[in-house]
Amino acid sequence: MANISEELLAILRCPVTGSTLVQDGQSLLSTANGPEGTPLRYTIDEGIALLLRPEQITA
C-alpha cells in the first residue's frame, strides 16, 4: 500500500470542497461533505493521488 507523506497531505486539498484530505487505505477522503452529503473519495494509483471525480476518470 502506497502511503502519501504527511508533508504532501498537509498541502493537498479536495478540488470540489477545498477541504483537507486524509488517507483511508488506497484512497483519500475529503474532510468535508461533497454535494451528495458524503465525503468525497479519491483513488491513489501507484502512489499518485488521482484528484478527479470518478466520472472524470476514463478507463
PDB file of N, CA and C in Angstrom:
ATOM      1  N   MET A   1       0.834  -1.179   0.000  1.00  0.00           N
ATOM      2  CA  MET A   1       0.000   0.000   0.000  1.00  0.00           C
ATOM      3  C   MET A   1       0.881   1.245   0.000  1.00  0.00           C
ATOM      4  N   ALA A   2       0.625   2.143  -0.912  1.00  0.00           N
ATOM      5  CA  ALA A   2       1.397   3.373  -1.001  1.00  0.00           C
ATOM      6  C   ALA A   2       0.841   4.406  -0.032  1.00  0.00           C
ATOM      7  N   ASN A   3       1.708   4.946   0.800  1.00  0.00           N
ATOM      8  CA  ASN A   3       1.294   5.986   1.727  1.00  0.00           C
ATOM      9  C   ASN A   3       1.677   7.341   1.171  1.00  0.00           C
ATOM     10  N   ILE A   4       0.778   8.281   1.300  1.00  0.00           N
ATOM     11  CA  ILE A   4       1.063   9.664   0.935  1.00  0.00           C
ATOM     12  C   ILE A   4       1.738  10.293   2.149  1.00  0.00           C
ATOM     13  N   SER A   5       2.824  11.002   1.931  1.00  0.00           N
ATOM     14  CA  SER A   5       3.570  11.586   3.047  1.00  0.00           C
ATOM     15  C   SER A   5       2.732  12.643   3.768  1.00  0.00           C
ATOM     16  N   GLU A   6       3.022  12.814   5.041  1.00  0.00           N
ATOM     17  CA  GLU A   6       2.321  13.822   5.848  1.00  0.00           C
ATOM     18  C   GLU A   6       2.531  15.223   5.275  1.00  0.00           C
ATOM     19  N   GLU A   7       3.727  15.476   4.742  1.00  0.00           N
ATOM     20  CA  GLU A   7       4.019  16.792   4.167  1.00  0.00           C
ATOM     21  C   GLU A   7       3.118  17.068   2.964  1.00  0.00           C
ATOM     22  N   LEU A   8       2.918  16.057   2.124  1.00  0.00           N
ATOM     23  CA  LEU A   8       2.059  16.231   0.952  1.00  0.00           C
ATOM     24  C   LEU A   8       0.597  16.354   1.374  1.00  0.00           C
ATOM     25  N   LEU A   9       0.160  15.528   2.314  1.00  0.00           N
ATOM     26  CA  LEU A   9      -1.223  15.627   2.785  1.00  0.00           C
ATOM     27  C   LEU A   9      -1.521  17.002   3.379  1.00  0.00           C
ATOM     28  N   ALA A  10      -0.515  17.638   3.953  1.00  0.00           N
ATOM     29  CA  ALA A  10      -0.710  18.955   4.561  1.00  0.00           C
ATOM     30  C   ALA A  10      -1.050  20.019   3.521  1.00  0.00           C
ATOM     31  N   ILE A  11      -0.634  19.815   2.261  1.00  0.00           N
ATOM     32  CA  ILE A  11      -0.903  20.835   1.246  1.00  0.00           C
ATOM     33  C   ILE A  11      -1.985  20.432   0.249  1.00  0.00           C
ATOM     34  N   LEU A  12      -2.292  19.136   0.148  1.00  0.00           N
ATOM     35  CA  LEU A  12      -3.336  18.704  -0.784  1.00  0.00           C
ATOM     36  C   LEU A  12      -4.707  19.137  -0.292  1.00  0.00           C
ATOM     37  N   ARG A  13      -5.580  19.499  -1.215  1.00  0.00           N
ATOM     38  CA  ARG A  13      -6.948  19.882  -0.903  1.00  0.00           C
ATOM     39  C   ARG A  13      -7.898  19.202  -1.876  1.00  0.00           C
ATOM     40  N   CYS A  14      -9.096  18.956  -1.419  1.00  0.00           N
ATOM     41  CA  CYS A  14     -10.139  18.399  -2.270  1.00  0.00           C
ATOM     42  C   CYS A  14     -10.474  19.441  -3.336  1.00  0.00           C
ATOM     43  N   PRO A  15     -10.469  19.059  -4.615  1.00  0.00           N
ATOM     44  CA  PRO A  15     -10.754  20.032  -5.668  1.00  0.00           C
ATOM     45  C   PRO A  15     -12.211  20.497  -5.696  1.00  0.00           C
ATOM     46  N   VAL A  16     -13.090  19.789  -5.028  1.00  0.00           N
ATOM     47  CA  VAL A  16     -14.510  20.164  -5.030  1.00  0.00           C
ATOM     48  C   VAL A  16     -14.858  21.014  -3.808  1.00  0.00           C
ATOM     49  N   THR A  17     -14.467  20.548  -2.614  1.00  0.00           N
ATOM     50  CA  THR A  17     -14.853  21.239  -1.380  1.00  0.00           C
ATOM     51  C   THR A  17     -13.771  22.171  -0.849  1.00  0.00           C
ATOM     52  N   GLY A  18     -12.527  21.973  -1.269  1.00  0.00           N
ATOM     53  CA  GLY A  18     -11.419  22.770  -0.753  1.00  0.00           C
ATOM     54  C   GLY A  18     -10.941  22.313   0.612  1.00  0.00           C
ATOM     55  N   SER A  19     -11.504  21.216   1.116  1.00  0.00           N
ATOM     56  CA  SER A  19     -11.136  20.714   2.443  1.00  0.00           C
ATOM     57  C   SER A  19      -9.852  19.894   2.380  1.00  0.00           C
ATOM     58  N   THR A  20      -9.267  19.655   3.551  1.00  0.00           N
ATOM     59  CA  THR A  20      -8.085  18.808   3.619  1.00  0.00           C
ATOM     60  C   THR A  20      -8.481  17.366   3.317  1.00  0.00           C
ATOM     61  N   LEU A  21      -7.484  16.537   3.036  1.00  0.00           N
ATOM     62  CA  LEU A  21      -7.700  15.133   2.702  1.00  0.00           C
ATOM     63  C   LEU A  21      -6.998  14.250   3.723  1.00  0.00           C
ATOM     64  N   VAL A  22      -7.579  13.103   3.990  1.00  0.00           N
ATOM     65  CA  VAL A  22      -6.959  12.111   4.864  1.00  0.00           C
ATOM     66  C   VAL A  22      -6.882  10.793   4.107  1.00  0.00           C
ATOM     67  N   GLN A  23      -5.826  10.028   4.359  1.00  0.00           N
ATOM     68  CA  GLN A  23      -5.676   8.750   3.673  1.00  0.00           C
ATOM     69  C   GLN A  23      -6.499   7.679   4.369  1.00  0.00           C
ATOM     70  N   ASP A  24      -7.205   6.900   3.555  1.00  0.00           N
ATOM     71  CA  ASP A  24      -8.007   5.779   4.036  1.00  0.00           C
ATOM     72  C   ASP A  24      -7.703   4.597   3.123  1.00  0.00           C
ATOM     73  N   GLY A  25      -6.704   3.812   3.500  1.00  0.00           N
ATOM     74  CA  GLY A  25      -6.306   2.686   2.647  1.00  0.00           C
ATOM     75  C   GLY A  25      -5.694   3.179   1.350  1.00  0.00           C
ATOM     76  N   GLN A  26      -6.258   2.754   0.233  1.00  0.00           N
ATOM     77  CA  GLN A  26      -5.752   3.135  -1.090  1.00  0.00           C
ATOM     78  C   GLN A  26      -6.525   4.306  -1.679  1.00  0.00           C
ATOM     79  N   SER A  27      -7.048   5.178  -0.831  1.00  0.00           N
ATOM     80  CA  SER A  27      -7.757   6.349  -1.319  1.00  0.00           C
ATOM     81  C   SER A  27      -7.616   7.493  -0.325  1.00  0.00           C
ATOM     82  N   LEU A  28      -7.984   8.672  -0.797  1.00  0.00           N
ATOM     83  CA  LEU A  28      -8.012   9.857   0.049  1.00  0.00           C
ATOM     84  C   LEU A  28      -9.461  10.272   0.230  1.00  0.00           C
ATOM     85  N   LEU A  29      -9.809  10.716   1.425  1.00  0.00           N
ATOM     86  CA  LEU A  29     -11.160  11.177   1.723  1.00  0.00           C
ATOM     87  C   LEU A  29     -11.127  12.659   2.066  1.00  0.00           C
ATOM     88  N   SER A  30     -12.116  13.394   1.560  1.00  0.00           N
ATOM     89  CA  SER A  30     -12.227  14.801   1.936  1.00  0.00           C
ATOM     90  C   SER A  30     -12.751  14.875   3.367  1.00  0.00           C
ATOM     91  N   THR A  31     -12.363  15.908   4.082  1.00  0.00           N
ATOM     92  CA  THR A  31     -12.815  16.066   5.466  1.00  0.00           C
ATOM     93  C   THR A  31     -14.115  16.861   5.548  1.00  0.00           C
ATOM     94  N   ALA A  32     -14.631  17.291   4.404  1.00  0.00           N
ATOM     95  CA  ALA A  32     -15.934  17.965   4.342  1.00  0.00           C
ATOM     96  C   ALA A  32     -16.815  17.185   3.374  1.00  0.00           C
ATOM     97  N   ASN A  33     -18.093  17.243   3.605  1.00  0.00           N
ATOM     98  CA  ASN A  33     -19.018  16.550   2.720  1.00  0.00           C
ATOM     99  C   ASN A  33     -19.125  17.259   1.376  1.00  0.00           C
ATOM    100  N   GLY A  34     -19.255  16.445   0.333  1.00  0.00           N
ATOM    101  CA  GLY A  34     -19.431  16.963  -1.015  1.00  0.00           C
ATOM    102  C   GLY A  34     -20.888  17.265  -1.296  1.00  0.00           C
ATOM    103  N   PRO A  35     -21.231  17.533  -2.549  1.00  0.00           N
ATOM    104  CA  PRO A  35     -22.599  17.877  -2.934  1.00  0.00           C
ATOM    105  C   PRO A  35     -23.630  16.801  -2.589  1.00  0.00           C
ATOM    106  N   GLU A  36     -23.211  15.546  -2.530  1.00  0.00           N
ATOM    107  CA  GLU A  36     -24.126  14.444  -2.223  1.00  0.00           C
ATOM    108  C   GLU A  36     -24.339  14.265  -0.720  1.00  0.00           C
ATOM    109  N   GLY A  37     -23.612  15.039   0.093  1.00  0.00           N
ATOM    110  CA  GLY A  37     -23.760  14.942   1.538  1.00  0.00           C
ATOM    111  C   GLY A  37     -22.819  13.952   2.205  1.00  0.00           C
ATOM    112  N   THR A  38     -21.889  13.396   1.443  1.00  0.00           N
ATOM    113  CA  THR A  38     -20.906  12.460   1.987  1.00  0.00           C
ATOM    114  C   THR A  38     -19.505  12.915   1.592  1.00  0.00           C
ATOM    115  N   PRO A  39     -18.488  12.485   2.352  1.00  0.00           N
ATOM    116  CA  PRO A  39     -17.114  12.838   1.968  1.00  0.00           C
ATOM    117  C   PRO A  39     -16.791  12.270   0.584  1.00  0.00           C
ATOM    118  N   LEU A  40     -15.983  13.002  -0.156  1.00  0.00           N
ATOM    119  CA  LEU A  40     -15.567  12.555  -1.481  1.00  0.00           C
ATOM    120  C   LEU A  40     -14.332  11.676  -1.368  1.00  0.00           C
ATOM    121  N   ARG A  41     -14.254  10.657  -2.211  1.00  0.00           N
ATOM    122  CA  ARG A  41     -13.159   9.688  -2.172  1.00  0.00           C
ATOM    123  C   ARG A  41     -12.370   9.783  -3.480  1.00  0.00           C
ATOM    124  N   TYR A  42     -11.039   9.824  -3.343  1.00  0.00           N
ATOM    125  CA  TYR A  42     -10.140   9.892  -4.491  1.00  0.00           C
ATOM    126  C   TYR A  42      -9.160   8.731  -4.429  1.00  0.00           C
ATOM    127  N   THR A  43      -8.981   8.061  -5.536  1.00  0.00           N
ATOM    128  CA  THR A  43      -8.119   6.883  -5.622  1.00  0.00           C
ATOM    129  C   THR A  43      -6.643   7.275  -5.604  1.00  0.00           C
ATOM    130  N   ILE A  44      -5.824   6.408  -5.002  1.00  0.00           N
ATOM    131  CA  ILE A  44      -4.366   6.523  -5.089  1.00  0.00           C
ATOM    132  C   ILE A  44      -3.920   5.382  -5.996  1.00  0.00           C
ATOM    133  N   ASP A  45      -3.323   5.717  -7.124  1.00  0.00           N
ATOM    134  CA  ASP A  45      -2.893   4.723  -8.107  1.00  0.00           C
ATOM    135  C   ASP A  45      -1.374   4.753  -8.225  1.00  0.00           C
ATOM    136  N   GLU A  46      -0.732   3.694  -7.780  1.00  0.00           N
ATOM    137  CA  GLU A  46       0.736   3.575  -7.805  1.00  0.00           C
ATOM    138  C   GLU A  46       1.404   4.769  -7.125  1.00  0.00           C
ATOM    139  N   GLY A  47       0.849   5.171  -5.983  1.00  0.00           N
ATOM    140  CA  GLY A  47       1.431   6.259  -5.207  1.00  0.00           C
ATOM    141  C   GLY A  47       1.058   7.649  -5.663  1.00  0.00           C
ATOM    142  N   ILE A  48       0.189   7.748  -6.677  1.00  0.00           N
ATOM    143  CA  ILE A  48      -0.219   9.049  -7.210  1.00  0.00           C
ATOM    144  C   ILE A  48      -1.699   9.264  -6.889  1.00  0.00           C
ATOM    145  N   ALA A  49      -2.002  10.379  -6.237  1.00  0.00           N
ATOM    146  CA  ALA A  49      -3.389  10.699  -5.913  1.00  0.00           C
ATOM    147  C   ALA A  49      -4.088  11.216  -7.161  1.00  0.00           C
ATOM    148  N   LEU A  50      -5.194  10.569  -7.527  1.00  0.00           N
ATOM    149  CA  LEU A  50      -5.988  10.984  -8.686  1.00  0.00           C
ATOM    150  C   LEU A  50      -7.108  11.883  -8.174  1.00  0.00           C
ATOM    151  N   LEU A  51      -6.866  13.184  -8.198  1.00  0.00           N
ATOM    152  CA  LEU A  51      -7.823  14.128  -7.640  1.00  0.00           C
ATOM    153  C   LEU A  51      -8.859  14.538  -8.689  1.00  0.00           C
ATOM    154  N   LEU A  52      -9.516  13.534  -9.224  1.00  0.00           N
ATOM    155  CA  LEU A  52     -10.587  13.724 -10.193  1.00  0.00           C
ATOM    156  C   LEU A  52     -11.817  12.998  -9.687  1.00  0.00           C
ATOM    157  N   ARG A  53     -12.983  13.547  -9.974  1.00  0.00           N
ATOM    158  CA  ARG A  53     -14.210  12.843  -9.632  1.00  0.00           C
ATOM    159  C   ARG A  53     -14.297  11.582 -10.476  1.00  0.00           C
ATOM    160  N   PRO A  54     -14.922  10.525  -9.976  1.00  0.00           N
ATOM    161  CA  PRO A  54     -14.978   9.243 -10.711  1.00  0.00           C
ATOM    162  C   PRO A  54     -15.465   9.382 -12.152  1.00  0.00           C
ATOM    163  N   GLU A  55     -16.423  10.267 -12.406  1.00  0.00           N
ATOM    164  CA  GLU A  55     -16.923  10.429 -13.762  1.00  0.00           C
ATOM    165  C   GLU A  55     -15.917  11.110 -14.699  1.00  0.00           C
ATOM    166  N   GLN A  56     -14.871  11.703 -14.154  1.00  0.00           N
ATOM    167  CA  GLN A  56     -13.845  12.332 -14.970  1.00  0.00           C
ATOM    168  C   GLN A  56     -12.714  11.387 -15.351  1.00  0.00           C
ATOM    169  N   ILE A  57     -12.658  10.230 -14.711  1.00  0.00           N
ATOM    170  CA  ILE A  57     -11.609   9.253 -14.981  1.00  0.00           C
ATOM    171  C   ILE A  57     -12.097   8.288 -16.050  1.00  0.00           C
ATOM    172  N   THR A  58     -11.335   8.178 -17.143  1.00  0.00           N
ATOM    173  CA  THR A  58     -11.695   7.238 -18.187  1.00  0.00           C
ATOM    174  C   THR A  58     -10.850   5.980 -18.040  1.00  0.00           C
ATOM    175  N   ALA A  59     -11.424   4.859 -18.368  1.00  0.00           N
ATOM    176  CA  ALA A  59     -10.721   3.586 -18.219  1.00  0.00           C
ATOM    177  C   ALA A  59      -9.711   3.375 -19.315  1.00  0.00           C
TER     178      ALA A  59
END
